[in-house]
Amino acid sequence: IVCCGNSRPQNQAIATNVCDEVEELHDRIPESKQGTAESGWILLDYGDVIVHVMTPKSRAFYDLEGFWKNGKRIDIEHLLLPNGDGQGQESTPSGSADGGVDFQQMGEDDPFWS
């Protein structure tokens, strides 16, 4: 599962909420937790499910969806709540002409924070 937060506190809140809800509903804790909100990427490893909480920039930079593009897709739409805009869609940073991410165009020196 790959999801985005737009700030350090939001990423930490997402990761904490995932841990709390999975423990409460499924009596499971992560086998491993890696990264921090400050790094732009938090990974929660439950063995059979891995949760990535990333900033939009780190998500664009590492492009996990592109890396796993040939992987088996599993529909989890019925498990998701809509975003605050009611559209259930998120925005992603635009890329450069060569398909990479142009962080300067995004107005940031830090490639992992917006």
C-alpha atoms as a PDB file:
ATOM      1  CA  ILE A   1       0.000   0.000   0.000  1.00  0.00           C
ATOM      2  CA  VAL A   2       1.426   3.383  -0.999  1.00  0.00           C
ATOM      3  CA  CYS A   3      -0.067   6.577   0.408  1.00  0.00           C
ATOM      4  CA  CYS A   4       0.955  10.229   0.735  1.00  0.00           C
ATOM      5  CA  GLY A   5       0.921  12.858   3.398  1.00  0.00           C
ATOM      6  CA  ASN A   6       1.737  16.503   2.791  1.00  0.00           C
ATOM      7  CA  SER A   7       3.634  17.287   6.008  1.00  0.00           C
ATOM      8  CA  ARG A   8       5.806  15.600   8.607  1.00  0.00           C
ATOM      9  CA  PRO A   9       3.016  15.626  11.231  1.00  0.00           C
ATOM     10  CA  GLN A  10       0.511  14.264   8.707  1.00  0.00           C
ATOM     11  CA  ASN A  11       2.840  11.422   7.655  1.00  0.00           C
ATOM     12  CA  GLN A  12       3.468  10.535  11.297  1.00  0.00           C
ATOM     13  CA  ALA A  13      -0.277  10.636  12.016  1.00  0.00           C
ATOM     14  CA  ILE A  14      -1.014   8.365   9.033  1.00  0.00           C
ATOM     15  CA  ALA A  15       1.610   5.805  10.125  1.00  0.00           C
ATOM     16  CA  THR A  16       0.460   5.919  13.756  1.00  0.00           C
ATOM     17  CA  ASN A  17      -3.178   5.516  12.753  1.00  0.00           C
ATOM     18  CA  VAL A  18      -2.371   2.559  10.476  1.00  0.00           C
ATOM     19  CA  CYS A  19      -0.485   0.863  13.333  1.00  0.00           C
ATOM     20  CA  ASP A  20      -3.287   1.557  15.821  1.00  0.00           C
ATOM     21  CA  GLU A  21      -6.094   0.418  13.522  1.00  0.00           C
ATOM     22  CA  VAL A  22      -4.342  -2.741  12.333  1.00  0.00           C
ATOM     23  CA  GLU A  23      -3.535  -3.696  15.915  1.00  0.00           C
ATOM     24  CA  GLU A  24      -7.091  -2.987  17.090  1.00  0.00           C
ATOM     25  CA  LEU A  25      -8.908  -4.620  14.165  1.00  0.00           C
ATOM     26  CA  HIS A  26      -6.498  -7.462  13.314  1.00  0.00           C
ATOM     27  CA  ASP A  27      -4.412  -7.884  16.473  1.00  0.00           C
ATOM     28  CA  ARG A  28      -1.186  -7.376  14.477  1.00  0.00           C
ATOM     29  CA  ILE A  29       1.811  -5.130  14.951  1.00  0.00           C
ATOM     30  CA  PRO A  30       4.406  -4.402  12.258  1.00  0.00           C
ATOM     31  CA  GLU A  31       7.256  -6.881  12.028  1.00  0.00           C
ATOM     32  CA  SER A  32       9.447  -3.914  11.149  1.00  0.00           C
ATOM     33  CA  LYS A  33       9.139  -0.123  11.060  1.00  0.00           C
ATOM     34  CA  GLN A  34      11.639   1.838   8.976  1.00  0.00           C
ATOM     35  CA  GLY A  35      12.107   5.501   8.215  1.00  0.00           C
ATOM     36  CA  THR A  36      10.741   8.566   9.930  1.00  0.00           C
ATOM     37  CA  ALA A  37       8.399  11.394   9.066  1.00  0.00           C
ATOM     38  CA  GLU A  38      11.468  13.628   8.702  1.00  0.00           C
ATOM     39  CA  SER A  39      12.925  11.357   6.018  1.00  0.00           C
ATOM     40  CA  GLY A  40       9.840  11.608   3.810  1.00  0.00           C
ATOM     41  CA  TRP A  41       9.189   7.853   3.844  1.00  0.00           C
ATOM     42  CA  ILE A  42       7.847   5.602   6.583  1.00  0.00           C
ATOM     43  CA  LEU A  43       7.619   1.869   5.907  1.00  0.00           C
ATOM     44  CA  LEU A  44       5.452  -0.482   8.000  1.00  0.00           C
ATOM     45  CA  ASP A  45       6.167  -4.146   7.246  1.00  0.00           C
ATOM     46  CA  TYR A  46       3.409  -6.553   8.259  1.00  0.00           C
ATOM     47  CA  GLY A  47       4.956  -9.488   6.396  1.00  0.00           C
ATOM     48  CA  ASP A  48       2.206 -10.055   3.844  1.00  0.00           C
ATOM     49  CA  VAL A  49       1.374  -6.345   3.533  1.00  0.00           C
ATOM     50  CA  ILE A  50       3.798  -3.433   3.405  1.00  0.00           C
ATOM     51  CA  VAL A  51       2.559   0.119   3.963  1.00  0.00           C
ATOM     52  CA  HIS A  52       4.574   3.015   2.525  1.00  0.00           C
ATOM     53  CA  VAL A  53       3.720   6.496   3.865  1.00  0.00           C
ATOM     54  CA  MET A  54       5.511   8.996   1.649  1.00  0.00           C
ATOM     55  CA  THR A  55       5.575  12.664   0.765  1.00  0.00           C
ATOM     56  CA  PRO A  56       4.403  13.427  -2.780  1.00  0.00           C
ATOM     57  CA  LYS A  57       8.002  14.235  -3.754  1.00  0.00           C
ATOM     58  CA  SER A  58       9.499  11.055  -2.344  1.00  0.00           C
ATOM     59  CA  ARG A  59       6.687   9.085  -3.983  1.00  0.00           C
ATOM     60  CA  ALA A  60       7.460  10.670  -7.349  1.00  0.00           C
ATOM     61  CA  PHE A  61      11.229  10.282  -6.889  1.00  0.00           C
ATOM     62  CA  TYR A  62      11.202   6.582  -5.939  1.00  0.00           C
ATOM     63  CA  ASP A  63       8.266   5.726  -8.253  1.00  0.00           C
ATOM     64  CA  LEU A  64       7.249   2.493  -6.519  1.00  0.00           C
ATOM     65  CA  GLU A  65       4.202   2.215  -8.761  1.00  0.00           C
ATOM     66  CA  GLY A  66       6.496   2.240 -11.806  1.00  0.00           C
ATOM     67  CA  PHE A  67       8.811  -0.313 -10.220  1.00  0.00           C
ATOM     68  CA  TRP A  68       5.878  -2.659  -9.511  1.00  0.00           C
ATOM     69  CA  LYS A  69       3.943  -1.891 -12.707  1.00  0.00           C
ATOM     70  CA  ASN A  70       3.958  -5.571 -13.712  1.00  0.00           C
ATOM     71  CA  GLY A  71       2.908  -6.764 -10.255  1.00  0.00           C
ATOM     72  CA  LYS A  72      -0.517  -8.197  -9.523  1.00  0.00           C
ATOM     73  CA  ARG A  73      -3.065  -5.497  -8.715  1.00  0.00           C
ATOM     74  CA  ILE A  74      -5.529  -6.117  -5.938  1.00  0.00           C
ATOM     75  CA  ASP A  75      -8.653  -3.974  -5.724  1.00  0.00           C
ATOM     76  CA  ILE A  76      -8.934  -2.467  -2.238  1.00  0.00           C
ATOM     77  CA  GLU A  77     -11.267   0.377  -3.213  1.00  0.00           C
ATOM     78  CA  HIS A  78     -13.978  -1.004  -0.942  1.00  0.00           C
ATOM     79  CA  LEU A  79     -11.590  -0.548   2.018  1.00  0.00           C
ATOM     80  CA  LEU A  80     -10.721   3.107   1.340  1.00  0.00           C
ATOM     81  CA  LEU A  81     -12.373   6.280   2.553  1.00  0.00           C
ATOM     82  CA  PRO A  82     -12.693   9.199   0.136  1.00  0.00           C
ATOM     83  CA  ASN A  83     -10.254  12.108   0.345  1.00  0.00           C
ATOM     84  CA  GLY A  84     -11.444  15.370   1.847  1.00  0.00           C
ATOM     85  CA  ASP A  85     -12.331  16.735  -1.599  1.00  0.00           C
ATOM     86  CA  GLY A  86     -14.866  13.957  -2.095  1.00  0.00           C
ATOM     87  CA  GLN A  87     -13.296  12.977  -5.403  1.00  0.00           C
ATOM     88  CA  GLY A  88     -11.134  10.145  -4.039  1.00  0.00           C
ATOM     89  CA  GLN A  89      -8.225  11.287  -6.211  1.00  0.00           C
ATOM     90  CA  GLU A  90      -4.902  12.747  -5.286  1.00  0.00           C
ATOM     91  CA  SER A  91      -2.630  15.087  -7.155  1.00  0.00           C
ATOM     92  CA  THR A  92       0.858  14.049  -8.108  1.00  0.00           C
ATOM     93  CA  PRO A  93       3.808  16.241  -8.985  1.00  0.00           C
ATOM     94  CA  SER A  94       4.438  16.798 -12.661  1.00  0.00           C
ATOM     95  CA  GLY A  95       7.548  15.325 -14.240  1.00  0.00           C
ATOM     96  CA  SER A  96      10.235  16.786 -16.419  1.00  0.00           C
ATOM     97  CA  ALA A  97      10.439  16.321 -20.166  1.00  0.00           C
ATOM     98  CA  ASP A  98      12.561  13.177 -19.798  1.00  0.00           C
ATOM     99  CA  GLY A  99      10.033  11.518 -17.470  1.00  0.00           C
ATOM    100  CA  GLY A 100      11.977  12.342 -14.303  1.00  0.00           C
ATOM    101  CA  VAL A 101      10.814  14.687 -11.582  1.00  0.00           C
ATOM    102  CA  ASP A 102      11.935  18.309 -11.823  1.00  0.00           C
ATOM    103  CA  PHE A 103      12.165  19.364  -8.177  1.00  0.00           C
ATOM    104  CA  GLN A 104      13.414  22.846  -9.077  1.00  0.00           C
ATOM    105  CA  GLN A 105      10.194  23.374 -11.036  1.00  0.00           C
ATOM    106  CA  MET A 106       8.348  22.418  -7.856  1.00  0.00           C
ATOM    107  CA  GLY A 107      10.162  25.241  -6.091  1.00  0.00           C
ATOM    108  CA  GLU A 108      11.995  23.127  -3.520  1.00  0.00           C
ATOM    109  CA  ASP A 109      15.635  22.299  -2.882  1.00  0.00           C
ATOM    110  CA  ASP A 110      14.737  19.413  -0.583  1.00  0.00           C
ATOM    111  CA  PRO A 111      13.617  16.649  -2.939  1.00  0.00           C
ATOM    112  CA  PHE A 112      11.425  14.962  -0.330  1.00  0.00           C
ATOM    113  CA  TRP A 113       9.352  17.750   1.179  1.00  0.00           C
ATOM    114  CA  SER A 114       6.777  20.064  -0.217  1.00  0.00           C
END
